[in-house]
Amino acid sequence: MLLVEKLGLSDECMIDLIIIGFLSAYALLPTVGTLELRQEWGQLPQDVSGYEVFLSVADCGLIGKEATLAVDGDLYDALIFDCAGVDDGGLAWMTENAIAAEVDYWFWLEHPEYVGSELEVSIFYEH
C-alpha cells in the first residue's frame, strides 16, 4: 500500500515533513502545563479531545499543526503542541540523540514500548 493511501491523503497532497528517529516523553505536569499555556496563547484549539497524541518536535513553526504519527506501522492522529528550545539545549539534545519527537504523558502511559525503543517513527503533516 502506498504511503499516501495508508495515511488517507489525496494523490495531490504534499507531505511536508517526515522525521525518523526515537520517541521521548513528557511527564504529566509539563504535558498539562504546555497544553494550557499554548491554548492561552491561542496557538492550540481549546478542544483537543480528538487527538490521540500530542507531539513536541524540533521546529517551533509547526506548533498547532495536525499530523500523523506513524510508529512501527501504527498510525495516530496527532497535534504538534510544543517544540525544542534552542536556549535550553532542547534542540541540540533532540538532534544529537535522534529524537523524532516527544509524546505526551497519556500516550506514553498507553504505549510505553514506543518510548526509547528502536522503532521506525515518522511524523507527517499535510499542507
N, C-alpha and C. Protein backbone atom coordinates (compact mmCIF):
# COMPACT_ATOMS: atom_id res chain seq x y z
N MET A 1 0.84 -1.17 0.00
CA MET A 1 0.00 0.00 0.00
C MET A 1 0.89 1.24 0.00
N LEU A 2 0.56 2.20 -0.82
CA LEU A 2 1.31 3.45 -0.88
C LEU A 2 1.12 4.24 0.40
N LEU A 3 2.13 5.02 0.78
CA LEU A 3 2.05 5.84 1.98
C LEU A 3 0.86 6.79 1.93
N VAL A 4 0.62 7.40 0.79
CA VAL A 4 -0.48 8.34 0.63
C VAL A 4 -1.81 7.64 0.93
N GLU A 5 -1.98 6.40 0.46
CA GLU A 5 -3.21 5.66 0.73
C GLU A 5 -3.31 5.28 2.20
N LYS A 6 -2.22 4.83 2.78
CA LYS A 6 -2.22 4.42 4.18
C LYS A 6 -2.60 5.57 5.09
N LEU A 7 -2.13 6.77 4.76
CA LEU A 7 -2.44 7.95 5.56
C LEU A 7 -3.79 8.55 5.21
N GLY A 8 -4.45 8.05 4.15
CA GLY A 8 -5.74 8.57 3.76
C GLY A 8 -5.66 9.93 3.10
N LEU A 9 -4.55 10.24 2.44
CA LEU A 9 -4.36 11.53 1.81
C LEU A 9 -4.67 11.44 0.32
N SER A 10 -4.97 12.57 -0.27
CA SER A 10 -5.24 12.59 -1.71
C SER A 10 -3.93 12.46 -2.48
N ASP A 11 -4.03 12.06 -3.75
CA ASP A 11 -2.84 11.91 -4.58
C ASP A 11 -2.11 13.24 -4.80
N GLU A 12 -2.85 14.36 -4.72
CA GLU A 12 -2.27 15.66 -4.98
C GLU A 12 -1.63 16.29 -3.75
N CYS A 13 -1.78 15.69 -2.57
CA CYS A 13 -1.29 16.33 -1.36
C CYS A 13 0.23 16.36 -1.31
N MET A 14 0.71 17.28 -0.54
CA MET A 14 2.14 17.37 -0.30
C MET A 14 2.39 16.96 1.15
N ILE A 15 3.29 16.04 1.35
CA ILE A 15 3.71 15.70 2.70
C ILE A 15 4.90 16.59 3.00
N ASP A 16 4.74 17.46 3.99
CA ASP A 16 5.75 18.46 4.27
C ASP A 16 6.88 17.99 5.16
N LEU A 17 6.62 17.00 5.97
CA LEU A 17 7.62 16.66 6.97
C LEU A 17 7.62 15.16 7.21
N ILE A 18 8.77 14.59 7.13
CA ILE A 18 8.96 13.21 7.56
C ILE A 18 10.17 13.22 8.47
N ILE A 19 9.97 12.83 9.72
CA ILE A 19 11.05 12.77 10.70
C ILE A 19 11.16 11.33 11.15
N ILE A 20 12.35 10.80 11.12
CA ILE A 20 12.55 9.43 11.57
C ILE A 20 13.54 9.43 12.72
N GLY A 21 13.21 8.75 13.80
CA GLY A 21 14.09 8.69 14.96
C GLY A 21 13.39 8.04 16.13
N PHE A 22 13.85 8.34 17.33
CA PHE A 22 13.30 7.78 18.56
C PHE A 22 12.23 8.69 19.12
N LEU A 23 11.40 8.15 20.02
CA LEU A 23 10.45 8.94 20.78
C LEU A 23 10.93 9.10 22.21
N SER A 24 10.73 10.29 22.75
CA SER A 24 10.91 10.57 24.16
C SER A 24 9.53 10.94 24.68
N ALA A 25 9.41 11.27 25.97
CA ALA A 25 8.08 11.57 26.51
C ALA A 25 8.13 12.67 27.55
N TYR A 26 7.01 13.40 27.62
CA TYR A 26 6.79 14.42 28.64
C TYR A 26 6.20 13.76 29.89
N ALA A 27 6.54 14.28 31.04
CA ALA A 27 5.89 13.88 32.28
C ALA A 27 4.52 14.57 32.34
N LEU A 28 3.72 14.25 33.35
CA LEU A 28 2.35 14.76 33.45
C LEU A 28 2.30 16.29 33.53
N LEU A 29 2.99 16.88 34.48
CA LEU A 29 2.88 18.33 34.66
C LEU A 29 3.36 19.14 33.46
N PRO A 30 4.47 18.78 32.84
CA PRO A 30 4.84 19.51 31.62
C PRO A 30 3.82 19.34 30.48
N THR A 31 3.19 18.17 30.38
CA THR A 31 2.16 17.97 29.36
C THR A 31 0.99 18.91 29.60
N VAL A 32 0.46 18.89 30.80
CA VAL A 32 -0.70 19.72 31.13
C VAL A 32 -0.35 21.20 31.03
N GLY A 33 0.78 21.59 31.59
CA GLY A 33 1.19 22.99 31.56
C GLY A 33 1.40 23.53 30.16
N THR A 34 2.01 22.73 29.32
CA THR A 34 2.27 23.15 27.94
C THR A 34 0.97 23.29 27.17
N LEU A 35 0.08 22.32 27.29
CA LEU A 35 -1.22 22.40 26.62
C LEU A 35 -1.97 23.66 27.05
N GLU A 36 -2.05 23.90 28.35
CA GLU A 36 -2.80 25.06 28.85
C GLU A 36 -2.17 26.37 28.39
N LEU A 37 -0.86 26.47 28.44
CA LEU A 37 -0.19 27.71 28.04
C LEU A 37 -0.36 27.99 26.55
N ARG A 38 -0.16 26.96 25.72
CA ARG A 38 -0.31 27.15 24.28
C ARG A 38 -1.77 27.48 23.90
N GLN A 39 -2.73 26.93 24.65
CA GLN A 39 -4.13 27.28 24.42
C GLN A 39 -4.39 28.74 24.83
N GLU A 40 -3.83 29.13 25.95
CA GLU A 40 -3.97 30.52 26.43
C GLU A 40 -3.39 31.50 25.41
N TRP A 41 -2.29 31.13 24.79
CA TRP A 41 -1.64 31.99 23.79
C TRP A 41 -2.33 31.92 22.42
N GLY A 42 -3.33 31.06 22.27
CA GLY A 42 -4.05 30.94 21.01
C GLY A 42 -3.34 30.10 19.96
N GLN A 43 -2.34 29.34 20.37
CA GLN A 43 -1.59 28.50 19.43
C GLN A 43 -2.21 27.14 19.22
N LEU A 44 -3.10 26.73 20.12
CA LEU A 44 -3.78 25.44 20.03
C LEU A 44 -5.27 25.65 20.19
N PRO A 45 -6.09 24.76 19.59
CA PRO A 45 -7.53 24.86 19.79
C PRO A 45 -7.90 24.57 21.24
N GLN A 46 -9.01 25.11 21.69
CA GLN A 46 -9.47 24.84 23.05
C GLN A 46 -9.91 23.39 23.22
N ASP A 47 -10.50 22.82 22.19
CA ASP A 47 -10.94 21.42 22.25
C ASP A 47 -9.89 20.56 21.54
N VAL A 48 -9.15 19.82 22.32
CA VAL A 48 -8.11 18.95 21.76
C VAL A 48 -8.45 17.47 21.97
N SER A 49 -9.72 17.21 22.23
CA SER A 49 -10.14 15.85 22.56
C SER A 49 -10.08 14.88 21.39
N GLY A 50 -9.99 15.36 20.17
CA GLY A 50 -9.98 14.47 19.01
C GLY A 50 -8.62 13.90 18.65
N TYR A 51 -7.61 14.24 19.40
CA TYR A 51 -6.25 13.78 19.07
C TYR A 51 -5.84 12.61 19.96
N GLU A 52 -5.09 11.68 19.36
CA GLU A 52 -4.61 10.52 20.10
C GLU A 52 -3.28 10.78 20.78
N VAL A 53 -2.56 11.79 20.28
CA VAL A 53 -1.24 12.08 20.83
C VAL A 53 -0.89 13.54 20.56
N PHE A 54 -0.20 14.13 21.53
CA PHE A 54 0.35 15.47 21.38
C PHE A 54 1.86 15.32 21.24
N LEU A 55 2.44 16.06 20.29
CA LEU A 55 3.86 15.92 19.97
C LEU A 55 4.61 17.21 20.19
N SER A 56 5.83 17.07 20.65
CA SER A 56 6.79 18.16 20.65
C SER A 56 7.86 17.80 19.63
N VAL A 57 8.12 18.71 18.70
CA VAL A 57 9.09 18.47 17.64
C VAL A 57 10.15 19.57 17.66
N ALA A 58 11.15 19.45 16.82
CA ALA A 58 12.24 20.42 16.80
C ALA A 58 11.80 21.78 16.26
N ASP A 59 10.95 21.81 15.28
CA ASP A 59 10.57 23.04 14.56
C ASP A 59 9.41 23.76 15.25
N CYS A 60 9.69 24.93 15.83
CA CYS A 60 8.65 25.69 16.54
C CYS A 60 7.58 26.25 15.60
N GLY A 61 7.86 26.32 14.31
CA GLY A 61 6.89 26.78 13.35
C GLY A 61 5.76 25.80 13.11
N LEU A 62 5.86 24.60 13.66
CA LEU A 62 4.84 23.57 13.46
C LEU A 62 3.81 23.50 14.58
N ILE A 63 3.98 24.30 15.63
CA ILE A 63 3.02 24.27 16.74
C ILE A 63 1.63 24.57 16.21
N GLY A 64 0.67 23.73 16.59
CA GLY A 64 -0.71 23.89 16.16
C GLY A 64 -1.08 23.10 14.92
N LYS A 65 -0.10 22.51 14.25
CA LYS A 65 -0.37 21.71 13.05
C LYS A 65 -0.89 20.33 13.44
N GLU A 66 -1.85 19.84 12.66
CA GLU A 66 -2.30 18.47 12.79
C GLU A 66 -1.31 17.59 12.05
N ALA A 67 -1.12 16.38 12.55
CA ALA A 67 -0.14 15.48 11.95
C ALA A 67 -0.58 14.04 12.13
N THR A 68 0.17 13.16 11.54
CA THR A 68 0.00 11.72 11.76
C THR A 68 1.33 11.20 12.31
N LEU A 69 1.26 10.51 13.41
CA LEU A 69 2.43 9.84 13.98
C LEU A 69 2.35 8.38 13.55
N ALA A 70 3.39 7.91 12.90
CA ALA A 70 3.48 6.50 12.49
C ALA A 70 4.58 5.84 13.31
N VAL A 71 4.21 4.82 14.04
CA VAL A 71 5.18 4.09 14.86
C VAL A 71 5.09 2.62 14.51
N ASP A 72 6.14 2.13 13.87
CA ASP A 72 6.21 0.70 13.53
C ASP A 72 4.95 0.22 12.81
N GLY A 73 4.41 1.07 11.93
CA GLY A 73 3.25 0.70 11.14
C GLY A 73 1.91 1.12 11.70
N ASP A 74 1.85 1.53 12.96
CA ASP A 74 0.61 2.01 13.56
C ASP A 74 0.50 3.52 13.39
N LEU A 75 -0.71 4.02 13.06
CA LEU A 75 -0.93 5.43 12.80
C LEU A 75 -1.78 6.07 13.88
N TYR A 76 -1.42 7.30 14.28
CA TYR A 76 -2.13 8.02 15.33
C TYR A 76 -2.35 9.46 14.89
N ASP A 77 -3.58 9.98 15.15
CA ASP A 77 -3.88 11.38 14.90
C ASP A 77 -3.17 12.22 15.95
N ALA A 78 -2.42 13.21 15.49
CA ALA A 78 -1.57 13.98 16.39
C ALA A 78 -1.78 15.47 16.23
N LEU A 79 -1.43 16.20 17.29
CA LEU A 79 -1.37 17.65 17.27
C LEU A 79 0.01 18.05 17.78
N ILE A 80 0.70 18.88 17.03
CA ILE A 80 2.01 19.35 17.47
C ILE A 80 1.77 20.48 18.45
N PHE A 81 2.15 20.25 19.72
CA PHE A 81 1.81 21.18 20.78
C PHE A 81 3.01 21.89 21.40
N ASP A 82 4.22 21.51 21.01
CA ASP A 82 5.39 22.16 21.58
C ASP A 82 6.60 21.92 20.67
N CYS A 83 7.69 22.58 21.03
CA CYS A 83 8.91 22.44 20.21
C CYS A 83 10.14 22.49 21.10
N ALA A 84 11.25 22.15 20.51
CA ALA A 84 12.53 22.13 21.22
C ALA A 84 13.04 23.55 21.39
N GLY A 85 13.53 23.85 22.57
CA GLY A 85 14.11 25.17 22.81
C GLY A 85 15.57 25.20 22.41
N VAL A 86 15.97 26.26 21.77
CA VAL A 86 17.38 26.43 21.40
C VAL A 86 18.19 26.83 22.63
N ASP A 87 17.68 27.80 23.38
CA ASP A 87 18.43 28.35 24.51
C ASP A 87 18.63 27.35 25.65
N ASP A 88 17.67 26.45 25.85
CA ASP A 88 17.79 25.49 26.95
C ASP A 88 18.46 24.18 26.53
N GLY A 89 18.90 24.10 25.29
CA GLY A 89 19.61 22.91 24.82
C GLY A 89 18.72 21.82 24.27
N GLY A 90 17.40 22.04 24.23
CA GLY A 90 16.48 21.02 23.76
C GLY A 90 16.70 20.62 22.31
N LEU A 91 16.94 21.59 21.46
CA LEU A 91 17.17 21.29 20.04
C LEU A 91 18.43 20.45 19.85
N ALA A 92 19.50 20.83 20.52
CA ALA A 92 20.75 20.06 20.42
C ALA A 92 20.56 18.64 20.95
N TRP A 93 19.83 18.50 22.06
CA TRP A 93 19.58 17.19 22.64
C TRP A 93 18.79 16.31 21.68
N MET A 94 17.74 16.88 21.06
CA MET A 94 16.95 16.10 20.11
C MET A 94 17.79 15.67 18.91
N THR A 95 18.58 16.58 18.39
CA THR A 95 19.40 16.29 17.21
C THR A 95 20.47 15.24 17.52
N GLU A 96 21.19 15.44 18.61
CA GLU A 96 22.28 14.53 18.97
C GLU A 96 21.80 13.11 19.29
N ASN A 97 20.56 12.99 19.77
CA ASN A 97 20.05 11.69 20.18
C ASN A 97 19.01 11.11 19.22
N ALA A 98 18.89 11.69 18.04
CA ALA A 98 17.95 11.23 17.01
C ALA A 98 16.53 11.11 17.54
N ILE A 99 16.10 12.13 18.31
CA ILE A 99 14.75 12.17 18.84
C ILE A 99 13.84 12.76 17.77
N ALA A 100 12.91 11.98 17.27
CA ALA A 100 11.96 12.46 16.27
C ALA A 100 10.94 13.38 16.92
N ALA A 101 10.51 13.01 18.12
CA ALA A 101 9.51 13.81 18.83
C ALA A 101 9.44 13.35 20.28
N GLU A 102 8.80 14.20 21.08
CA GLU A 102 8.43 13.81 22.43
C GLU A 102 6.91 13.70 22.44
N VAL A 103 6.41 12.65 23.06
CA VAL A 103 4.97 12.43 23.13
C VAL A 103 4.45 12.87 24.49
N ASP A 104 3.14 13.08 24.57
CA ASP A 104 2.53 13.49 25.83
C ASP A 104 2.51 12.34 26.83
N TYR A 105 2.26 12.71 28.07
CA TYR A 105 2.26 11.77 29.19
C TYR A 105 1.26 10.63 29.00
N TRP A 106 0.03 10.95 28.57
CA TRP A 106 -1.02 9.93 28.46
C TRP A 106 -0.71 8.93 27.36
N PHE A 107 -0.16 9.40 26.25
CA PHE A 107 0.23 8.48 25.17
C PHE A 107 1.35 7.56 25.64
N TRP A 108 2.28 8.11 26.40
CA TRP A 108 3.39 7.33 26.96
C TRP A 108 2.85 6.22 27.86
N LEU A 109 1.85 6.56 28.69
CA LEU A 109 1.27 5.53 29.56
C LEU A 109 0.61 4.42 28.76
N GLU A 110 -0.05 4.77 27.65
CA GLU A 110 -0.73 3.78 26.81
C GLU A 110 0.25 2.96 25.98
N HIS A 111 1.39 3.54 25.63
CA HIS A 111 2.35 2.89 24.73
C HIS A 111 3.79 3.03 25.25
N PRO A 112 4.07 2.52 26.43
CA PRO A 112 5.43 2.68 26.97
C PRO A 112 6.50 2.00 26.10
N GLU A 113 6.08 1.00 25.34
CA GLU A 113 7.04 0.29 24.49
C GLU A 113 7.59 1.16 23.36
N TYR A 114 6.92 2.24 23.03
CA TYR A 114 7.37 3.12 21.94
C TYR A 114 8.49 4.06 22.37
N VAL A 115 8.52 4.42 23.62
CA VAL A 115 9.45 5.45 24.08
C VAL A 115 10.84 4.86 24.29
N GLY A 116 11.81 5.42 23.57
CA GLY A 116 13.19 4.99 23.69
C GLY A 116 13.53 3.72 22.95
N SER A 117 12.58 3.13 22.23
CA SER A 117 12.82 1.88 21.52
C SER A 117 13.32 2.13 20.11
N GLU A 118 13.99 1.16 19.56
CA GLU A 118 14.47 1.25 18.18
C GLU A 118 13.34 0.84 17.24
N LEU A 119 12.39 1.74 17.06
CA LEU A 119 11.27 1.52 16.15
C LEU A 119 11.33 2.58 15.06
N GLU A 120 10.68 2.31 13.95
CA GLU A 120 10.58 3.33 12.91
C GLU A 120 9.49 4.30 13.30
N VAL A 121 9.87 5.54 13.52
CA VAL A 121 8.95 6.59 13.92
C VAL A 121 8.97 7.66 12.85
N SER A 122 7.79 8.01 12.34
CA SER A 122 7.70 9.06 11.33
C SER A 122 6.56 10.00 11.71
N ILE A 123 6.71 11.27 11.32
CA ILE A 123 5.68 12.26 11.55
C ILE A 123 5.37 12.91 10.21
N PHE A 124 4.09 12.94 9.85
CA PHE A 124 3.68 13.51 8.57
C PHE A 124 2.64 14.57 8.82
N TYR A 125 2.68 15.64 8.05
CA TYR A 125 1.57 16.56 8.06
C TYR A 125 1.34 17.07 6.66
N GLU A 126 0.07 17.39 6.36
CA GLU A 126 -0.34 17.81 5.04
C GLU A 126 -0.57 19.31 5.05
N HIS A 127 -0.11 19.98 3.99
CA HIS A 127 -0.36 21.43 3.96
C HIS A 127 -1.44 21.77 2.99
